[in-house]
Amino acid sequence: MPSRPGHAADHGLTWTCYTGTSGYPVEFYTQLKGSPNIVRHDRIGADAANLPALSMVWHDSPYDEHPVADITLGHNQIWTDVAAVAAAGHWDDTVFLLTWDDWGGYDDHVATPNVEHTPDGVQLAYGPRVPLLIFGGPVTPGIVTRWNSHVSIPKTVLDLLGLPPLGVPRVDDAPSLADLVDSSVSNPPSPAFGTTITQPTPPTPTPAPAPPPPPPTPHSLAVGAIVLRDGITLPPPDDQPITAPKHPVRHRKAHLP
């Protein structure tokens, strides 16, 4: 399968993936498996002064914020990583993209149009929604109101690194957020680790989304085949099958005494 690190290497750019002890998920890629550029995430501090063009970071539990971990541990680990890069003098020339692969399991106050699904009916594209934080010295501050999906992240990385298309239409045709990076912007460094942060009071009532969600399509489209590096395709991903229970659920009436 194609990947951002492999694509960077193919075009002469340096890369390092800082992973947990298992090498997840980078070791799944044939092109990357066993590479000396796959190291443990505790190396970030030591490497902060000489990070490659592309760095990707994953943490082991309990620093990955997966249940039942204390998410403060993960927050503090990310804060420490960012502080190390800033202390090494690279705040002004680094763009950080921080996101998650889970949304917490809570209902969202904004309905997301179902425009894409896996073969077994799991909604992709706009829902469920997860945060994406883009920050660093040259990043224009503010809240982005555009609708994007996870594929905007690799597209943004390609654009920021000046790389050609990946060869995966779903990525190459995605909207990019690279326009948020402006060399004329110079944000102050992030607060030092351990600084008390006061969050602003949330607005009441919750403002309506602006712009509004994209209009629903007449029919949700099935996600396409997986495109490999040699142009061969695999069937669409179907890794979260949703099946009916083996035994029907029977409801009984409750009788009050």
C-alpha atoms as a PDB file:
ATOM      1  CA  MET A   1       0.000   0.000   0.000  1.00  0.00           C
ATOM      2  CA  PRO A   2       1.203   3.550  -0.617  1.00  0.00           C
ATOM      3  CA  SER A   3       2.056   5.674   2.397  1.00  0.00           C
ATOM      4  CA  ARG A   4       3.157   9.182   3.203  1.00  0.00           C
ATOM      5  CA  PRO A   5       6.591   8.099   4.529  1.00  0.00           C
ATOM      6  CA  GLY A   6       7.218   5.838   1.531  1.00  0.00           C
ATOM      7  CA  HIS A   7       6.114   8.554  -0.879  1.00  0.00           C
ATOM      8  CA  ALA A   8       8.429  11.043   0.838  1.00  0.00           C
ATOM      9  CA  ALA A   9      11.348   8.625   0.567  1.00  0.00           C
ATOM     10  CA  ASP A  10      10.600   7.962  -3.110  1.00  0.00           C
ATOM     11  CA  HIS A  11      11.046  11.687  -3.745  1.00  0.00           C
ATOM     12  CA  GLY A  12      14.196  12.268  -1.708  1.00  0.00           C
ATOM     13  CA  LEU A  13      12.688  13.547   1.555  1.00  0.00           C
ATOM     14  CA  THR A  14      13.671  12.321   4.999  1.00  0.00           C
ATOM     15  CA  TRP A  15      11.143  10.716   7.339  1.00  0.00           C
ATOM     16  CA  THR A  16      10.861   9.080  10.752  1.00  0.00           C
ATOM     17  CA  CYS A  17       7.916   7.323  12.354  1.00  0.00           C
ATOM     18  CA  TYR A  18       7.883   7.400  16.140  1.00  0.00           C
ATOM     19  CA  THR A  19       5.722   4.484  17.220  1.00  0.00           C
ATOM     20  CA  GLY A  20       4.860   2.320  20.183  1.00  0.00           C
ATOM     21  CA  THR A  21       6.716  -0.907  20.894  1.00  0.00           C
ATOM     22  CA  SER A  22       4.806  -2.870  18.241  1.00  0.00           C
ATOM     23  CA  GLY A  23       5.651  -0.498  15.386  1.00  0.00           C
ATOM     24  CA  TYR A  24       1.915  -0.014  14.800  1.00  0.00           C
ATOM     25  CA  PRO A  25       0.701   0.906  12.246  1.00  0.00           C
ATOM     26  CA  VAL A  26       3.804   1.486  10.145  1.00  0.00           C
ATOM     27  CA  GLU A  27       5.022  -2.119  10.216  1.00  0.00           C
ATOM     28  CA  PHE A  28       1.913  -3.127   8.246  1.00  0.00           C
ATOM     29  CA  TYR A  29       3.351  -1.481   5.115  1.00  0.00           C
ATOM     30  CA  THR A  30       5.608  -3.753   3.028  1.00  0.00           C
ATOM     31  CA  GLN A  31       7.712  -0.823   1.850  1.00  0.00           C
ATOM     32  CA  LEU A  32       8.323   0.410   5.407  1.00  0.00           C
ATOM     33  CA  LYS A  33       8.496  -2.773   7.487  1.00  0.00           C
ATOM     34  CA  GLY A  34      11.840  -3.164   9.255  1.00  0.00           C
ATOM     35  CA  SER A  35      13.069   0.307   8.275  1.00  0.00           C
ATOM     36  CA  PRO A  36      15.598   1.917  10.653  1.00  0.00           C
ATOM     37  CA  ASN A  37      13.422   5.023  10.341  1.00  0.00           C
ATOM     38  CA  ILE A  38      10.813   3.348  12.571  1.00  0.00           C
ATOM     39  CA  VAL A  39      11.814   4.120  16.139  1.00  0.00           C
ATOM     40  CA  ARG A  40      10.140   4.330  19.553  1.00  0.00           C
ATOM     41  CA  HIS A  41       8.243   7.464  20.480  1.00  0.00           C
ATOM     42  CA  ASP A  42      10.545   8.256  23.421  1.00  0.00           C
ATOM     43  CA  ARG A  43      13.195   9.299  20.870  1.00  0.00           C
ATOM     44  CA  ILE A  44      11.402  12.525  19.975  1.00  0.00           C
ATOM     45  CA  GLY A  45      13.082  14.584  22.675  1.00  0.00           C
ATOM     46  CA  ALA A  46      16.540  13.502  21.574  1.00  0.00           C
ATOM     47  CA  ASP A  47      15.743  14.068  17.898  1.00  0.00           C
ATOM     48  CA  ALA A  48      13.913  17.388  18.315  1.00  0.00           C
ATOM     49  CA  ALA A  49      16.800  19.511  17.054  1.00  0.00           C
ATOM     50  CA  ASN A  50      17.161  17.456  13.863  1.00  0.00           C
ATOM     51  CA  LEU A  51      13.729  16.198  12.923  1.00  0.00           C
ATOM     52  CA  PRO A  52      13.288  14.929   9.349  1.00  0.00           C
ATOM     53  CA  ALA A  53      11.025  16.594   6.810  1.00  0.00           C
ATOM     54  CA  LEU A  54       8.166  14.287   7.829  1.00  0.00           C
ATOM     55  CA  SER A  55       7.659  12.949  11.337  1.00  0.00           C
ATOM     56  CA  MET A  56       4.687  10.821  12.382  1.00  0.00           C
ATOM     57  CA  VAL A  57       3.988   9.937  15.999  1.00  0.00           C
ATOM     58  CA  TRP A  58       1.954   7.270  17.817  1.00  0.00           C
ATOM     59  CA  HIS A  59       2.087   6.405  21.506  1.00  0.00           C
ATOM     60  CA  ASP A  60       1.680   3.217  23.498  1.00  0.00           C
ATOM     61  CA  SER A  61      -1.054   2.851  26.098  1.00  0.00           C
ATOM     62  CA  PRO A  62      -1.749   4.628  28.398  1.00  0.00           C
ATOM     63  CA  TYR A  63      -0.397   7.614  26.429  1.00  0.00           C
ATOM     64  CA  ASP A  64      -2.592   6.916  23.377  1.00  0.00           C
ATOM     65  CA  GLU A  65      -5.752   8.134  25.201  1.00  0.00           C
ATOM     66  CA  HIS A  66      -7.661   4.945  24.440  1.00  0.00           C
ATOM     67  CA  PRO A  67     -10.140   3.799  27.103  1.00  0.00           C
ATOM     68  CA  VAL A  68      -9.637   3.118  29.921  1.00  0.00           C
ATOM     69  CA  ALA A  69      -6.539   5.303  30.057  1.00  0.00           C
ATOM     70  CA  ASP A  70      -6.387   8.624  31.866  1.00  0.00           C
ATOM     71  CA  ILE A  71      -6.381  11.015  28.897  1.00  0.00           C
ATOM     72  CA  THR A  72      -4.343  13.536  30.910  1.00  0.00           C
ATOM     73  CA  LEU A  73      -1.348  11.253  30.404  1.00  0.00           C
ATOM     74  CA  GLY A  74      -1.711  11.408  26.631  1.00  0.00           C
ATOM     75  CA  HIS A  75      -2.293  15.148  26.657  1.00  0.00           C
ATOM     76  CA  ASN A  76       0.853  15.678  28.724  1.00  0.00           C
ATOM     77  CA  GLN A  77       2.896  13.435  26.439  1.00  0.00           C
ATOM     78  CA  ILE A  78       1.898  15.419  23.351  1.00  0.00           C
ATOM     79  CA  TRP A  79       2.571  18.655  25.219  1.00  0.00           C
ATOM     80  CA  THR A  80       6.038  17.371  26.138  1.00  0.00           C
ATOM     81  CA  ASP A  81       6.767  16.389  22.522  1.00  0.00           C
ATOM     82  CA  VAL A  82       5.707  19.790  21.194  1.00  0.00           C
ATOM     83  CA  ALA A  83       7.678  21.604  23.900  1.00  0.00           C
ATOM     84  CA  ALA A  84      10.811  19.653  22.947  1.00  0.00           C
ATOM     85  CA  VAL A  85      10.536  20.757  19.316  1.00  0.00           C
ATOM     86  CA  ALA A  86       9.928  24.378  20.367  1.00  0.00           C
ATOM     87  CA  ALA A  87      12.868  24.298  22.804  1.00  0.00           C
ATOM     88  CA  ALA A  88      15.083  23.002  19.983  1.00  0.00           C
ATOM     89  CA  GLY A  89      14.320  26.158  17.981  1.00  0.00           C
ATOM     90  CA  HIS A  90      11.932  24.672  15.435  1.00  0.00           C
ATOM     91  CA  TRP A  91       8.625  26.188  16.478  1.00  0.00           C
ATOM     92  CA  ASP A  92       8.713  28.671  13.590  1.00  0.00           C
ATOM     93  CA  ASP A  93       9.392  26.083  10.876  1.00  0.00           C
ATOM     94  CA  THR A  94       7.237  23.185  12.083  1.00  0.00           C
ATOM     95  CA  VAL A  95       3.593  22.495  11.326  1.00  0.00           C
ATOM     96  CA  PHE A  96       1.902  20.155  13.808  1.00  0.00           C
ATOM     97  CA  LEU A  97      -1.208  18.176  12.858  1.00  0.00           C
ATOM     98  CA  LEU A  98      -2.861  16.477  15.810  1.00  0.00           C
ATOM     99  CA  THR A  99      -5.877  14.233  15.393  1.00  0.00           C
ATOM    100  CA  TRP A 100      -7.521  11.070  16.727  1.00  0.00           C
ATOM    101  CA  ASP A 101      -9.073   7.951  15.221  1.00  0.00           C
ATOM    102  CA  ASP A 102     -11.961   7.806  17.711  1.00  0.00           C
ATOM    103  CA  TRP A 103     -14.580  10.393  18.523  1.00  0.00           C
ATOM    104  CA  GLY A 104     -15.468   9.449  22.097  1.00  0.00           C
ATOM    105  CA  GLY A 105     -18.735   7.683  21.406  1.00  0.00           C
ATOM    106  CA  TYR A 106     -20.927  10.724  22.071  1.00  0.00           C
ATOM    107  CA  ASP A 107     -23.667  12.120  19.888  1.00  0.00           C
ATOM    108  CA  ASP A 108     -22.574  15.186  17.949  1.00  0.00           C
ATOM    109  CA  HIS A 109     -24.655  18.349  17.961  1.00  0.00           C
ATOM    110  CA  VAL A 110     -24.191  18.622  14.173  1.00  0.00           C
ATOM    111  CA  ALA A 111     -25.699  15.968  11.922  1.00  0.00           C
ATOM    112  CA  THR A 112     -23.153  14.740   9.402  1.00  0.00           C
ATOM    113  CA  PRO A 113     -24.410  13.834   5.928  1.00  0.00           C
ATOM    114  CA  ASN A 114     -23.890  10.204   5.019  1.00  0.00           C
ATOM    115  CA  VAL A 115     -22.077  10.453   1.689  1.00  0.00           C
ATOM    116  CA  GLU A 116     -19.770   7.439   1.842  1.00  0.00           C
ATOM    117  CA  HIS A 117     -19.857   3.977   3.409  1.00  0.00           C
ATOM    118  CA  THR A 118     -17.948   0.705   3.646  1.00  0.00           C
ATOM    119  CA  PRO A 119     -19.358  -2.480   2.100  1.00  0.00           C
ATOM    120  CA  ASP A 120     -21.034  -3.363   5.400  1.00  0.00           C
ATOM    121  CA  GLY A 121     -22.616   0.061   5.823  1.00  0.00           C
ATOM    122  CA  VAL A 122     -20.242   1.861   8.193  1.00  0.00           C
ATOM    123  CA  GLN A 123     -20.340   5.616   7.497  1.00  0.00           C
ATOM    124  CA  LEU A 124     -17.067   7.220   6.414  1.00  0.00           C
ATOM    125  CA  ALA A 125     -16.212  10.740   5.204  1.00  0.00           C
ATOM    126  CA  TYR A 126     -17.872  13.293   7.492  1.00  0.00           C
ATOM    127  CA  GLY A 127     -19.011  11.195  10.380  1.00  0.00           C
ATOM    128  CA  PRO A 128     -18.464  10.570  13.162  1.00  0.00           C
ATOM    129  CA  ARG A 129     -16.546  13.809  13.569  1.00  0.00           C
ATOM    130  CA  VAL A 130     -13.124  13.985  15.244  1.00  0.00           C
ATOM    131  CA  PRO A 131     -11.007  17.055  16.017  1.00  0.00           C
ATOM    132  CA  LEU A 132      -8.029  18.155  13.954  1.00  0.00           C
ATOM    133  CA  LEU A 133      -5.674  20.697  15.494  1.00  0.00           C
ATOM    134  CA  ILE A 134      -3.145  22.370  13.189  1.00  0.00           C
ATOM    135  CA  PHE A 135      -0.670  24.611  14.969  1.00  0.00           C
ATOM    136  CA  GLY A 136       2.876  25.941  14.931  1.00  0.00           C
ATOM    137  CA  GLY A 137       4.689  29.183  14.295  1.00  0.00           C
ATOM    138  CA  PRO A 138       3.524  29.709  10.685  1.00  0.00           C
ATOM    139  CA  VAL A 139      -0.082  28.500  11.079  1.00  0.00           C
ATOM    140  CA  THR A 140      -2.872  31.050  10.689  1.00  0.00           C
ATOM    141  CA  PRO A 141      -4.831  31.011  13.973  1.00  0.00           C
ATOM    142  CA  GLY A 142      -8.581  30.533  14.024  1.00  0.00           C
ATOM    143  CA  ILE A 143     -11.362  27.985  13.642  1.00  0.00           C
ATOM    144  CA  VAL A 144     -11.703  26.364  10.236  1.00  0.00           C
ATOM    145  CA  THR A 145     -15.332  25.970   9.237  1.00  0.00           C
ATOM    146  CA  ARG A 146     -14.737  23.974   6.077  1.00  0.00           C
ATOM    147  CA  TRP A 147     -15.947  20.380   5.919  1.00  0.00           C
ATOM    148  CA  ASN A 148     -13.099  17.905   5.560  1.00  0.00           C
ATOM    149  CA  SER A 149     -12.535  14.213   6.195  1.00  0.00           C
ATOM    150  CA  HIS A 150      -9.470  12.258   7.270  1.00  0.00           C
ATOM    151  CA  VAL A 151      -8.163  12.139   3.697  1.00  0.00           C
ATOM    152  CA  SER A 152      -7.564  15.887   3.868  1.00  0.00           C
ATOM    153  CA  ILE A 153      -4.687  15.159   6.261  1.00  0.00           C
ATOM    154  CA  PRO A 154      -2.448  13.235   3.830  1.00  0.00           C
ATOM    155  CA  LYS A 155      -3.422  15.680   1.087  1.00  0.00           C
ATOM    156  CA  THR A 156      -2.321  18.585   3.286  1.00  0.00           C
ATOM    157  CA  VAL A 157       0.971  16.831   4.064  1.00  0.00           C
ATOM    158  CA  LEU A 158       1.634  16.245   0.361  1.00  0.00           C
ATOM    159  CA  ASP A 159       1.073  19.917  -0.373  1.00  0.00           C
ATOM    160  CA  LEU A 160       3.166  21.184   2.531  1.00  0.00           C
ATOM    161  CA  LEU A 161       6.099  18.979   1.501  1.00  0.00           C
ATOM    162  CA  GLY A 162       5.723  19.811  -2.185  1.00  0.00           C
ATOM    163  CA  LEU A 163       5.164  16.179  -3.117  1.00  0.00           C
ATOM    164  CA  PRO A 164       3.396  15.003  -6.298  1.00  0.00           C
ATOM    165  CA  PRO A 165       0.096  13.101  -6.111  1.00  0.00           C
ATOM    166  CA  LEU A 166       0.151   9.864  -4.129  1.00  0.00           C
ATOM    167  CA  GLY A 167      -1.647   7.960  -6.869  1.00  0.00           C
ATOM    168  CA  VAL A 168      -4.733   7.361  -4.735  1.00  0.00           C
ATOM    169  CA  PRO A 169      -7.614   9.433  -6.164  1.00  0.00           C
ATOM    170  CA  ARG A 170      -9.434   9.577  -2.815  1.00  0.00           C
ATOM    171  CA  VAL A 171      -6.399  11.380  -1.353  1.00  0.00           C
ATOM    172  CA  ASP A 172      -5.194  13.300  -4.373  1.00  0.00           C
ATOM    173  CA  ASP A 173      -8.654  14.786  -5.024  1.00  0.00           C
ATOM    174  CA  ALA A 174      -9.321  15.676  -1.367  1.00  0.00           C
ATOM    175  CA  PRO A 175      -9.488  19.301  -0.219  1.00  0.00           C
ATOM    176  CA  SER A 176      -6.245  20.559   1.305  1.00  0.00           C
ATOM    177  CA  LEU A 177      -5.659  22.676   4.400  1.00  0.00           C
ATOM    178  CA  ALA A 178      -2.163  23.751   3.357  1.00  0.00           C
ATOM    179  CA  ASP A 179      -3.409  27.289   2.740  1.00  0.00           C
ATOM    180  CA  LEU A 180      -3.583  27.716   6.534  1.00  0.00           C
ATOM    181  CA  VAL A 181       0.228  27.791   6.626  1.00  0.00           C
ATOM    182  CA  ASP A 182       1.600  31.257   5.929  1.00  0.00           C
ATOM    183  CA  SER A 183       5.293  32.127   6.206  1.00  0.00           C
ATOM    184  CA  SER A 184       4.375  35.701   7.142  1.00  0.00           C
ATOM    185  CA  VAL A 185       2.629  34.456  10.300  1.00  0.00           C
ATOM    186  CA  SER A 186       4.707  34.153  13.470  1.00  0.00           C
ATOM    187  CA  ASN A 187       2.775  32.793  16.432  1.00  0.00           C
ATOM    188  CA  PRO A 188       4.358  32.853  19.882  1.00  0.00           C
ATOM    189  CA  PRO A 189       5.599  29.453  21.099  1.00  0.00           C
ATOM    190  CA  SER A 190       3.163  27.193  22.881  1.00  0.00           C
ATOM    191  CA  PRO A 191       2.884  27.603  26.676  1.00  0.00           C
ATOM    192  CA  ALA A 192       5.624  25.852  28.624  1.00  0.00           C
ATOM    193  CA  PHE A 193       4.776  22.395  29.898  1.00  0.00           C
ATOM    194  CA  GLY A 194       2.870  22.578  33.166  1.00  0.00           C
ATOM    195  CA  THR A 195       1.484  26.083  32.588  1.00  0.00           C
ATOM    196  CA  THR A 196      -2.063  26.507  33.868  1.00  0.00           C
ATOM    197  CA  ILE A 197      -4.358  26.890  30.869  1.00  0.00           C
ATOM    198  CA  THR A 198      -7.711  28.629  31.302  1.00  0.00           C
ATOM    199  CA  GLN A 199     -10.263  27.557  28.745  1.00  0.00           C
ATOM    200  CA  PRO A 200     -12.781  30.143  27.493  1.00  0.00           C
ATOM    201  CA  THR A 201     -16.406  29.707  28.467  1.00  0.00           C
ATOM    202  CA  PRO A 202     -18.336  27.817  25.755  1.00  0.00           C
ATOM    203  CA  PRO A 203     -20.930  29.970  23.973  1.00  0.00           C
ATOM    204  CA  THR A 204     -24.570  29.585  24.964  1.00  0.00           C
ATOM    205  CA  PRO A 205     -26.560  28.643  22.999  1.00  0.00           C
ATOM    206  CA  THR A 206     -24.276  26.529  20.838  1.00  0.00           C
ATOM    207  CA  PRO A 207     -23.857  28.379  17.526  1.00  0.00           C
ATOM    208  CA  ALA A 208     -25.137  26.801  14.343  1.00  0.00           C
ATOM    209  CA  PRO A 209     -22.484  25.326  12.050  1.00  0.00           C
ATOM    210  CA  ALA A 210     -21.163  27.779   9.505  1.00  0.00           C
ATOM    211  CA  PRO A 211     -21.098  26.899   6.731  1.00  0.00           C
ATOM    212  CA  PRO A 212     -23.954  24.414   7.088  1.00  0.00           C
ATOM    213  CA  PRO A 213     -23.254  20.737   6.446  1.00  0.00           C
ATOM    214  CA  PRO A 214     -22.914  19.722   2.799  1.00  0.00           C
ATOM    215  CA  PRO A 215     -26.218  18.697   1.286  1.00  0.00           C
ATOM    216  CA  PRO A 216     -26.833  14.950   1.450  1.00  0.00           C
ATOM    217  CA  THR A 217     -26.349  13.032  -1.735  1.00  0.00           C
ATOM    218  CA  PRO A 218     -29.306  11.069  -3.135  1.00  0.00           C
ATOM    219  CA  HIS A 219     -27.458   7.892  -2.244  1.00  0.00           C
ATOM    220  CA  SER A 220     -24.427   7.291  -0.030  1.00  0.00           C
ATOM    221  CA  LEU A 221     -21.566   6.109  -2.235  1.00  0.00           C
ATOM    222  CA  ALA A 222     -19.604   2.958  -1.514  1.00  0.00           C
ATOM    223  CA  VAL A 223     -15.927   3.606  -0.818  1.00  0.00           C
ATOM    224  CA  GLY A 224     -13.726   2.569  -3.699  1.00  0.00           C
ATOM    225  CA  ALA A 225     -11.095  -0.118  -3.999  1.00  0.00           C
ATOM    226  CA  ILE A 226      -7.711   0.190  -2.301  1.00  0.00           C
ATOM    227  CA  VAL A 227      -5.061   1.337  -4.789  1.00  0.00           C
ATOM    228  CA  LEU A 228      -1.629  -0.234  -4.333  1.00  0.00           C
ATOM    229  CA  ARG A 229       1.746   1.219  -5.328  1.00  0.00           C
ATOM    230  CA  ASP A 230       1.907  -0.819  -8.543  1.00  0.00           C
ATOM    231  CA  GLY A 231      -1.586   0.214  -9.596  1.00  0.00           C
ATOM    232  CA  ILE A 232      -3.227  -3.063  -8.588  1.00  0.00           C
ATOM    233  CA  THR A 233      -6.354  -2.710  -6.483  1.00  0.00           C
ATOM    234  CA  LEU A 234      -7.770  -4.624  -3.545  1.00  0.00           C
ATOM    235  CA  PRO A 235     -11.427  -4.831  -2.513  1.00  0.00           C
ATOM    236  CA  PRO A 236     -12.770  -1.913  -0.439  1.00  0.00           C
ATOM    237  CA  PRO A 237     -11.915  -2.029   3.287  1.00  0.00           C
ATOM    238  CA  ASP A 238     -14.394  -4.021   5.312  1.00  0.00           C
ATOM    239  CA  ASP A 239     -12.693  -4.384   8.670  1.00  0.00           C
ATOM    240  CA  GLN A 240     -15.567  -3.506  11.003  1.00  0.00           C
ATOM    241  CA  PRO A 241     -18.371  -5.911  10.102  1.00  0.00           C
ATOM    242  CA  ILE A 242     -21.714  -5.140  11.674  1.00  0.00           C
ATOM    243  CA  THR A 243     -23.751  -8.285  12.045  1.00  0.00           C
ATOM    244  CA  ALA A 244     -27.168  -9.022  13.436  1.00  0.00           C
ATOM    245  CA  PRO A 245     -27.231 -10.772  16.832  1.00  0.00           C
ATOM    246  CA  LYS A 246     -27.408 -14.563  16.683  1.00  0.00           C
ATOM    247  CA  HIS A 247     -30.459 -14.599  18.908  1.00  0.00           C
ATOM    248  CA  PRO A 248     -33.305 -12.111  18.603  1.00  0.00           C
ATOM    249  CA  VAL A 249     -33.563  -9.676  21.472  1.00  0.00           C
ATOM    250  CA  ARG A 250     -36.857 -10.190  23.247  1.00  0.00           C
ATOM    251  CA  HIS A 251     -38.440  -7.389  25.202  1.00  0.00           C
ATOM    252  CA  ARG A 252     -40.554  -8.121  28.224  1.00  0.00           C
ATOM    253  CA  LYS A 253     -43.076  -5.787  29.737  1.00  0.00           C
ATOM    254  CA  ALA A 254     -42.242  -4.451  33.153  1.00  0.00           C
ATOM    255  CA  HIS A 255     -44.871  -4.941  35.795  1.00  0.00           C
ATOM    256  CA  LEU A 256     -44.905  -2.551  38.734  1.00  0.00           C
ATOM    257  CA  PRO A 257     -45.809  -3.990  42.135  1.00  0.00           C
END
